[in-house]
Amino acid sequence: MNFIDFELRGEFIPLDALLKATGMAGSGGAAKAMVADGLVAVDGERELRKTCKVRAGQEVAVSGACVRVHAPTMPAPLD
């Protein structure tokens, strides 16, 4: 399985936007079709909600690839 690490910029990312941002889907429409066709799993469970909120700590799997979603890293404090 191919693993992709994805760092959030906020609290969550919609599932279809995550698929597009990681290159797992070529477009937003393709991402929505993948979800509607039942090809996407979030934390091991099939997900049919196209704009499901994906948060840090969750994993999204599609046909041999898995995206691990991480919280945004905090910048180092300035001294």
PDB file of N, CA and C in Angstrom:
ATOM      1  N   MET A   1       0.840  -1.182   0.000  1.00  0.00           N
ATOM      2  CA  MET A   1       0.000   0.000   0.000  1.00  0.00           C
ATOM      3  C   MET A   1       0.879   1.237   0.000  1.00  0.00           C
ATOM      4  N   ASN A   2       0.496   2.218  -0.781  1.00  0.00           N
ATOM      5  CA  ASN A   2       1.207   3.483  -0.874  1.00  0.00           C
ATOM      6  C   ASN A   2       0.643   4.448   0.171  1.00  0.00           C
ATOM      7  N   PHE A   3       1.508   5.005   1.031  1.00  0.00           N
ATOM      8  CA  PHE A   3       1.061   5.931   2.073  1.00  0.00           C
ATOM      9  C   PHE A   3       1.419   7.368   1.706  1.00  0.00           C
ATOM     10  N   ILE A   4       0.481   8.264   1.961  1.00  0.00           N
ATOM     11  CA  ILE A   4       0.663   9.691   1.717  1.00  0.00           C
ATOM     12  C   ILE A   4       0.377  10.406   3.023  1.00  0.00           C
ATOM     13  N   ASP A   5       1.274  11.269   3.459  1.00  0.00           N
ATOM     14  CA  ASP A   5       1.036  12.084   4.652  1.00  0.00           C
ATOM     15  C   ASP A   5       0.498  13.434   4.213  1.00  0.00           C
ATOM     16  N   PHE A   6      -0.572  13.884   4.870  1.00  0.00           N
ATOM     17  CA  PHE A   6      -1.211  15.150   4.524  1.00  0.00           C
ATOM     18  C   PHE A   6      -1.364  15.981   5.788  1.00  0.00           C
ATOM     19  N   GLU A   7      -0.842  17.203   5.757  1.00  0.00           N
ATOM     20  CA  GLU A   7      -0.933  18.102   6.908  1.00  0.00           C
ATOM     21  C   GLU A   7      -2.093  19.072   6.706  1.00  0.00           C
ATOM     22  N   LEU A   8      -2.994  19.099   7.669  1.00  0.00           N
ATOM     23  CA  LEU A   8      -4.132  20.017   7.610  1.00  0.00           C
ATOM     24  C   LEU A   8      -3.671  21.461   7.747  1.00  0.00           C
ATOM     25  N   ARG A   9      -4.455  22.364   7.197  1.00  0.00           N
ATOM     26  CA  ARG A   9      -4.193  23.796   7.388  1.00  0.00           C
ATOM     27  C   ARG A   9      -5.169  24.393   8.394  1.00  0.00           C
ATOM     28  N   GLY A  10      -6.201  23.650   8.700  1.00  0.00           N
ATOM     29  CA  GLY A  10      -7.208  24.092   9.665  1.00  0.00           C
ATOM     30  C   GLY A  10      -7.670  22.907  10.484  1.00  0.00           C
ATOM     31  N   GLU A  11      -8.911  22.955  10.947  1.00  0.00           N
ATOM     32  CA  GLU A  11      -9.460  21.903  11.800  1.00  0.00           C
ATOM     33  C   GLU A  11      -9.808  20.639  11.017  1.00  0.00           C
ATOM     34  N   PHE A  12     -10.244  20.796   9.761  1.00  0.00           N
ATOM     35  CA  PHE A  12     -10.647  19.650   8.946  1.00  0.00           C
ATOM     36  C   PHE A  12     -10.535  20.005   7.468  1.00  0.00           C
ATOM     37  N   ILE A  13     -10.719  18.978   6.616  1.00  0.00           N
ATOM     38  CA  ILE A  13     -10.785  19.171   5.172  1.00  0.00           C
ATOM     39  C   ILE A  13     -11.913  18.277   4.662  1.00  0.00           C
ATOM     40  N   PRO A  14     -12.754  18.774   3.761  1.00  0.00           N
ATOM     41  CA  PRO A  14     -13.791  17.910   3.195  1.00  0.00           C
ATOM     42  C   PRO A  14     -13.157  16.751   2.416  1.00  0.00           C
ATOM     43  N   LEU A  15     -13.795  15.592   2.479  1.00  0.00           N
ATOM     44  CA  LEU A  15     -13.254  14.394   1.855  1.00  0.00           C
ATOM     45  C   LEU A  15     -12.942  14.590   0.380  1.00  0.00           C
ATOM     46  N   ASP A  16     -13.865  15.171  -0.376  1.00  0.00           N
ATOM     47  CA  ASP A  16     -13.615  15.347  -1.809  1.00  0.00           C
ATOM     48  C   ASP A  16     -12.432  16.270  -2.065  1.00  0.00           C
ATOM     49  N   ALA A  17     -12.273  17.293  -1.240  1.00  0.00           N
ATOM     50  CA  ALA A  17     -11.143  18.215  -1.390  1.00  0.00           C
ATOM     51  C   ALA A  17      -9.820  17.516  -1.055  1.00  0.00           C
ATOM     52  N   LEU A  18      -9.833  16.614  -0.071  1.00  0.00           N
ATOM     53  CA  LEU A  18      -8.630  15.865   0.284  1.00  0.00           C
ATOM     54  C   LEU A  18      -8.197  14.957  -0.863  1.00  0.00           C
ATOM     55  N   LEU A  19      -9.157  14.275  -1.472  1.00  0.00           N
ATOM     56  CA  LEU A  19      -8.833  13.390  -2.595  1.00  0.00           C
ATOM     57  C   LEU A  19      -8.207  14.172  -3.745  1.00  0.00           C
ATOM     58  N   LYS A  20      -8.725  15.353  -4.002  1.00  0.00           N
ATOM     59  CA  LYS A  20      -8.181  16.199  -5.071  1.00  0.00           C
ATOM     60  C   LYS A  20      -6.802  16.745  -4.683  1.00  0.00           C
ATOM     61  N   ALA A  21      -6.667  17.231  -3.454  1.00  0.00           N
ATOM     62  CA  ALA A  21      -5.405  17.839  -3.001  1.00  0.00           C
ATOM     63  C   ALA A  21      -4.248  16.844  -2.983  1.00  0.00           C
ATOM     64  N   THR A  22      -4.544  15.584  -2.728  1.00  0.00           N
ATOM     65  CA  THR A  22      -3.488  14.568  -2.661  1.00  0.00           C
ATOM     66  C   THR A  22      -3.225  13.917  -4.014  1.00  0.00           C
ATOM     67  N   GLY A  23      -4.004  14.266  -5.031  1.00  0.00           N
ATOM     68  CA  GLY A  23      -3.816  13.698  -6.354  1.00  0.00           C
ATOM     69  C   GLY A  23      -4.469  12.333  -6.526  1.00  0.00           C
ATOM     70  N   MET A  24      -5.228  11.905  -5.545  1.00  0.00           N
ATOM     71  CA  MET A  24      -5.927  10.626  -5.660  1.00  0.00           C
ATOM     72  C   MET A  24      -7.092  10.735  -6.641  1.00  0.00           C
ATOM     73  N   ALA A  25      -7.546  11.956  -6.868  1.00  0.00           N
ATOM     74  CA  ALA A  25      -8.594  12.217  -7.865  1.00  0.00           C
ATOM     75  C   ALA A  25      -8.105  13.372  -8.729  1.00  0.00           C
ATOM     76  N   GLY A  26      -8.372  13.295 -10.018  1.00  0.00           N
ATOM     77  CA  GLY A  26      -7.899  14.321 -10.942  1.00  0.00           C
ATOM     78  C   GLY A  26      -8.670  15.620 -10.880  1.00  0.00           C
ATOM     79  N   SER A  27      -9.890  15.570 -10.334  1.00  0.00           N
ATOM     80  CA  SER A  27     -10.721  16.778 -10.244  1.00  0.00           C
ATOM     81  C   SER A  27     -11.706  16.602  -9.099  1.00  0.00           C
ATOM     82  N   GLY A  28     -12.372  17.687  -8.761  1.00  0.00           N
ATOM     83  CA  GLY A  28     -13.392  17.620  -7.721  1.00  0.00           C
ATOM     84  C   GLY A  28     -14.535  16.701  -8.115  1.00  0.00           C
ATOM     85  N   GLY A  29     -14.911  16.752  -9.395  1.00  0.00           N
ATOM     86  CA  GLY A  29     -15.979  15.886  -9.888  1.00  0.00           C
ATOM     87  C   GLY A  29     -15.603  14.417  -9.817  1.00  0.00           C
ATOM     88  N   ALA A  30     -14.353  14.120 -10.145  1.00  0.00           N
ATOM     89  CA  ALA A  30     -13.875  12.741 -10.069  1.00  0.00           C
ATOM     90  C   ALA A  30     -13.855  12.266  -8.617  1.00  0.00           C
ATOM     91  N   ALA A  31     -13.464  13.153  -7.694  1.00  0.00           N
ATOM     92  CA  ALA A  31     -13.441  12.810  -6.273  1.00  0.00           C
ATOM     93  C   ALA A  31     -14.850  12.495  -5.788  1.00  0.00           C
ATOM     94  N   LYS A  32     -15.808  13.310  -6.159  1.00  0.00           N
ATOM     95  CA  LYS A  32     -17.201  13.083  -5.738  1.00  0.00           C
ATOM     96  C   LYS A  32     -17.728  11.778  -6.309  1.00  0.00           C
ATOM     97  N   ALA A  33     -17.360  11.457  -7.542  1.00  0.00           N
ATOM     98  CA  ALA A  33     -17.802  10.204  -8.164  1.00  0.00           C
ATOM     99  C   ALA A  33     -17.195   9.003  -7.447  1.00  0.00           C
ATOM    100  N   MET A  34     -15.922   9.104  -7.050  1.00  0.00           N
ATOM    101  CA  MET A  34     -15.263   8.018  -6.334  1.00  0.00           C
ATOM    102  C   MET A  34     -15.982   7.722  -5.018  1.00  0.00           C
ATOM    103  N   VAL A  35     -16.347   8.787  -4.314  1.00  0.00           N
ATOM    104  CA  VAL A  35     -17.041   8.625  -3.036  1.00  0.00           C
ATOM    105  C   VAL A  35     -18.433   8.032  -3.278  1.00  0.00           C
ATOM    106  N   ALA A  36     -19.150   8.583  -4.243  1.00  0.00           N
ATOM    107  CA  ALA A  36     -20.501   8.104  -4.543  1.00  0.00           C
ATOM    108  C   ALA A  36     -20.496   6.635  -4.968  1.00  0.00           C
ATOM    109  N   ASP A  37     -19.440   6.190  -5.622  1.00  0.00           N
ATOM    110  CA  ASP A  37     -19.334   4.805  -6.081  1.00  0.00           C
ATOM    111  C   ASP A  37     -18.875   3.852  -4.973  1.00  0.00           C
ATOM    112  N   GLY A  38     -18.627   4.388  -3.773  1.00  0.00           N
ATOM    113  CA  GLY A  38     -18.232   3.541  -2.647  1.00  0.00           C
ATOM    114  C   GLY A  38     -16.795   3.080  -2.681  1.00  0.00           C
ATOM    115  N   LEU A  39     -15.940   3.816  -3.370  1.00  0.00           N
ATOM    116  CA  LEU A  39     -14.534   3.421  -3.515  1.00  0.00           C
ATOM    117  C   LEU A  39     -13.628   3.963  -2.415  1.00  0.00           C
ATOM    118  N   VAL A  40     -14.173   4.785  -1.514  1.00  0.00           N
ATOM    119  CA  VAL A  40     -13.358   5.469  -0.512  1.00  0.00           C
ATOM    120  C   VAL A  40     -13.720   4.989   0.891  1.00  0.00           C
ATOM    121  N   ALA A  41     -12.694   4.730   1.702  1.00  0.00           N
ATOM    122  CA  ALA A  41     -12.909   4.342   3.098  1.00  0.00           C
ATOM    123  C   ALA A  41     -12.214   5.348   4.007  1.00  0.00           C
ATOM    124  N   VAL A  42     -12.886   5.711   5.086  1.00  0.00           N
ATOM    125  CA  VAL A  42     -12.307   6.579   6.114  1.00  0.00           C
ATOM    126  C   VAL A  42     -12.217   5.743   7.384  1.00  0.00           C
ATOM    127  N   ASP A  43     -11.017   5.597   7.897  1.00  0.00           N
ATOM    128  CA  ASP A  43     -10.757   4.770   9.083  1.00  0.00           C
ATOM    129  C   ASP A  43     -11.319   3.360   8.912  1.00  0.00           C
ATOM    130  N   GLY A  44     -11.152   2.808   7.716  1.00  0.00           N
ATOM    131  CA  GLY A  44     -11.542   1.429   7.458  1.00  0.00           C
ATOM    132  C   GLY A  44     -13.012   1.201   7.140  1.00  0.00           C
ATOM    133  N   GLU A  45     -13.827   2.242   7.157  1.00  0.00           N
ATOM    134  CA  GLU A  45     -15.258   2.132   6.872  1.00  0.00           C
ATOM    135  C   GLU A  45     -15.591   2.882   5.588  1.00  0.00           C
ATOM    136  N   ARG A  46     -16.391   2.244   4.718  1.00  0.00           N
ATOM    137  CA  ARG A  46     -16.790   2.911   3.475  1.00  0.00           C
ATOM    138  C   ARG A  46     -17.505   4.215   3.810  1.00  0.00           C
ATOM    139  N   GLU A  47     -17.134   5.278   3.115  1.00  0.00           N
ATOM    140  CA  GLU A  47     -17.723   6.606   3.340  1.00  0.00           C
ATOM    141  C   GLU A  47     -18.439   7.057   2.076  1.00  0.00           C
ATOM    142  N   LEU A  48     -19.716   7.397   2.200  1.00  0.00           N
ATOM    143  CA  LEU A  48     -20.508   7.821   1.052  1.00  0.00           C
ATOM    144  C   LEU A  48     -20.854   9.310   1.085  1.00  0.00           C
ATOM    145  N   ARG A  49     -20.420  10.013   2.129  1.00  0.00           N
ATOM    146  CA  ARG A  49     -20.658  11.463   2.208  1.00  0.00           C
ATOM    147  C   ARG A  49     -19.496  12.178   1.525  1.00  0.00           C
ATOM    148  N   LYS A  50     -19.794  12.866   0.450  1.00  0.00           N
ATOM    149  CA  LYS A  50     -18.745  13.500  -0.361  1.00  0.00           C
ATOM    150  C   LYS A  50     -17.964  14.567   0.398  1.00  0.00           C
ATOM    151  N   THR A  51     -18.642  15.292   1.271  1.00  0.00           N
ATOM    152  CA  THR A  51     -17.979  16.382   1.990  1.00  0.00           C
ATOM    153  C   THR A  51     -17.804  16.053   3.473  1.00  0.00           C
ATOM    154  N   CYS A  52     -17.668  14.775   3.774  1.00  0.00           N
ATOM    155  CA  CYS A  52     -17.389  14.335   5.136  1.00  0.00           C
ATOM    156  C   CYS A  52     -16.161  15.092   5.656  1.00  0.00           C
ATOM    157  N   LYS A  53     -16.212  15.559   6.901  1.00  0.00           N
ATOM    158  CA  LYS A  53     -15.089  16.298   7.479  1.00  0.00           C
ATOM    159  C   LYS A  53     -14.008  15.322   7.929  1.00  0.00           C
ATOM    160  N   VAL A  54     -12.852  15.409   7.305  1.00  0.00           N
ATOM    161  CA  VAL A  54     -11.722  14.555   7.664  1.00  0.00           C
ATOM    162  C   VAL A  54     -10.814  15.366   8.582  1.00  0.00           C
ATOM    163  N   ARG A  55     -10.530  14.799   9.747  1.00  0.00           N
ATOM    164  CA  ARG A  55      -9.756  15.506  10.773  1.00  0.00           C
ATOM    165  C   ARG A  55      -8.423  14.801  11.045  1.00  0.00           C
ATOM    166  N   ALA A  56      -7.572  15.478  11.784  1.00  0.00           N
ATOM    167  CA  ALA A  56      -6.265  14.913  12.136  1.00  0.00           C
ATOM    168  C   ALA A  56      -6.437  13.564  12.820  1.00  0.00           C
ATOM    169  N   GLY A  57      -5.570  12.619  12.468  1.00  0.00           N
ATOM    170  CA  GLY A  57      -5.603  11.294  13.053  1.00  0.00           C
ATOM    171  C   GLY A  57      -6.392  10.285  12.235  1.00  0.00           C
ATOM    172  N   GLN A  58      -7.118  10.747  11.231  1.00  0.00           N
ATOM    173  CA  GLN A  58      -7.890   9.837  10.410  1.00  0.00           C
ATOM    174  C   GLN A  58      -7.086   9.386   9.200  1.00  0.00           C
ATOM    175  N   GLU A  59      -7.495   8.233   8.652  1.00  0.00           N
ATOM    176  CA  GLU A  59      -6.869   7.700   7.445  1.00  0.00           C
ATOM    177  C   GLU A  59      -7.927   7.503   6.380  1.00  0.00           C
ATOM    178  N   VAL A  60      -7.589   7.879   5.153  1.00  0.00           N
ATOM    179  CA  VAL A  60      -8.493   7.740   4.007  1.00  0.00           C
ATOM    180  C   VAL A  60      -7.825   6.809   3.005  1.00  0.00           C
ATOM    181  N   ALA A  61      -8.541   5.742   2.612  1.00  0.00           N
ATOM    182  CA  ALA A  61      -7.974   4.748   1.701  1.00  0.00           C
ATOM    183  C   ALA A  61      -8.782   4.672   0.414  1.00  0.00           C
ATOM    184  N   VAL A  62      -8.054   4.582  -0.708  1.00  0.00           N
ATOM    185  CA  VAL A  62      -8.645   4.417  -2.031  1.00  0.00           C
ATOM    186  C   VAL A  62      -7.701   3.543  -2.839  1.00  0.00           C
ATOM    187  N   SER A  63      -8.194   2.452  -3.360  1.00  0.00           N
ATOM    188  CA  SER A  63      -7.483   1.552  -4.285  1.00  0.00           C
ATOM    189  C   SER A  63      -5.965   1.477  -4.092  1.00  0.00           C
ATOM    190  N   GLY A  64      -5.545   0.933  -2.968  1.00  0.00           N
ATOM    191  CA  GLY A  64      -4.127   0.698  -2.743  1.00  0.00           C
ATOM    192  C   GLY A  64      -3.335   1.874  -2.218  1.00  0.00           C
ATOM    193  N   ALA A  65      -3.985   2.997  -1.967  1.00  0.00           N
ATOM    194  CA  ALA A  65      -3.299   4.164  -1.407  1.00  0.00           C
ATOM    195  C   ALA A  65      -4.006   4.593  -0.129  1.00  0.00           C
ATOM    196  N   CYS A  66      -3.234   5.102   0.811  1.00  0.00           N
ATOM    197  CA  CYS A  66      -3.795   5.529   2.093  1.00  0.00           C
ATOM    198  C   CYS A  66      -3.228   6.898   2.452  1.00  0.00           C
ATOM    199  N   VAL A  67      -4.109   7.818   2.780  1.00  0.00           N
ATOM    200  CA  VAL A  67      -3.699   9.157   3.211  1.00  0.00           C
ATOM    201  C   VAL A  67      -3.812   9.215   4.725  1.00  0.00           C
ATOM    202  N   ARG A  68      -2.719   9.562   5.390  1.00  0.00           N
ATOM    203  CA  ARG A  68      -2.721   9.762   6.838  1.00  0.00           C
ATOM    204  C   ARG A  68      -2.777  11.268   7.077  1.00  0.00           C
ATOM    205  N   VAL A  69      -3.807  11.704   7.765  1.00  0.00           N
ATOM    206  CA  VAL A  69      -4.043  13.138   7.971  1.00  0.00           C
ATOM    207  C   VAL A  69      -3.457  13.549   9.314  1.00  0.00           C
ATOM    208  N   HIS A  70      -2.655  14.617   9.286  1.00  0.00           N
ATOM    209  CA  HIS A  70      -1.970  15.111  10.476  1.00  0.00           C
ATOM    210  C   HIS A  70      -2.418  16.527  10.803  1.00  0.00           C
ATOM    211  N   ALA A  71      -2.321  16.868  12.086  1.00  0.00           N
ATOM    212  CA  ALA A  71      -2.611  18.233  12.536  1.00  0.00           C
ATOM    213  C   ALA A  71      -1.547  19.173  11.983  1.00  0.00           C
ATOM    214  N   PRO A  72      -1.908  20.440  11.820  1.00  0.00           N
ATOM    215  CA  PRO A  72      -0.904  21.387  11.352  1.00  0.00           C
ATOM    216  C   PRO A  72       0.226  21.529  12.374  1.00  0.00           C
ATOM    217  N   THR A  73       1.440  21.654  11.876  1.00  0.00           N
ATOM    218  CA  THR A  73       2.578  21.846  12.778  1.00  0.00           C
ATOM    219  C   THR A  73       2.655  23.321  13.139  1.00  0.00           C
ATOM    220  N   MET A  74       3.027  23.557  14.344  1.00  0.00           N
ATOM    221  CA  MET A  74       3.164  24.937  14.819  1.00  0.00           C
ATOM    222  C   MET A  74       4.565  25.428  14.456  1.00  0.00           C
ATOM    223  N   PRO A  75       4.648  26.664  13.992  1.00  0.00           N
ATOM    224  CA  PRO A  75       5.982  27.201  13.700  1.00  0.00           C
ATOM    225  C   PRO A  75       6.803  27.358  14.982  1.00  0.00           C
ATOM    226  N   ALA A  76       8.096  27.240  14.853  1.00  0.00           N
ATOM    227  CA  ALA A  76       8.980  27.392  16.011  1.00  0.00           C
ATOM    228  C   ALA A  76       8.872  28.818  16.539  1.00  0.00           C
ATOM    229  N   PRO A  77       8.843  28.977  17.848  1.00  0.00           N
ATOM    230  CA  PRO A  77       8.744  30.319  18.428  1.00  0.00           C
ATOM    231  C   PRO A  77       9.989  31.150  18.124  1.00  0.00           C
ATOM    232  N   LEU A  78       9.788  32.422  17.911  1.00  0.00           N
ATOM    233  CA  LEU A  78      10.904  33.343  17.674  1.00  0.00           C
ATOM    234  C   LEU A  78      11.451  33.786  19.007  1.00  0.00           C
ATOM    235  N   ASP A  79      12.748  33.783  19.121  1.00  0.00           N
ATOM    236  CA  ASP A  79      13.382  34.198  20.384  1.00  0.00           C
ATOM    237  C   ASP A  79      13.678  35.657  20.368  1.00  0.00           C
TER     238      ASP A  79
END
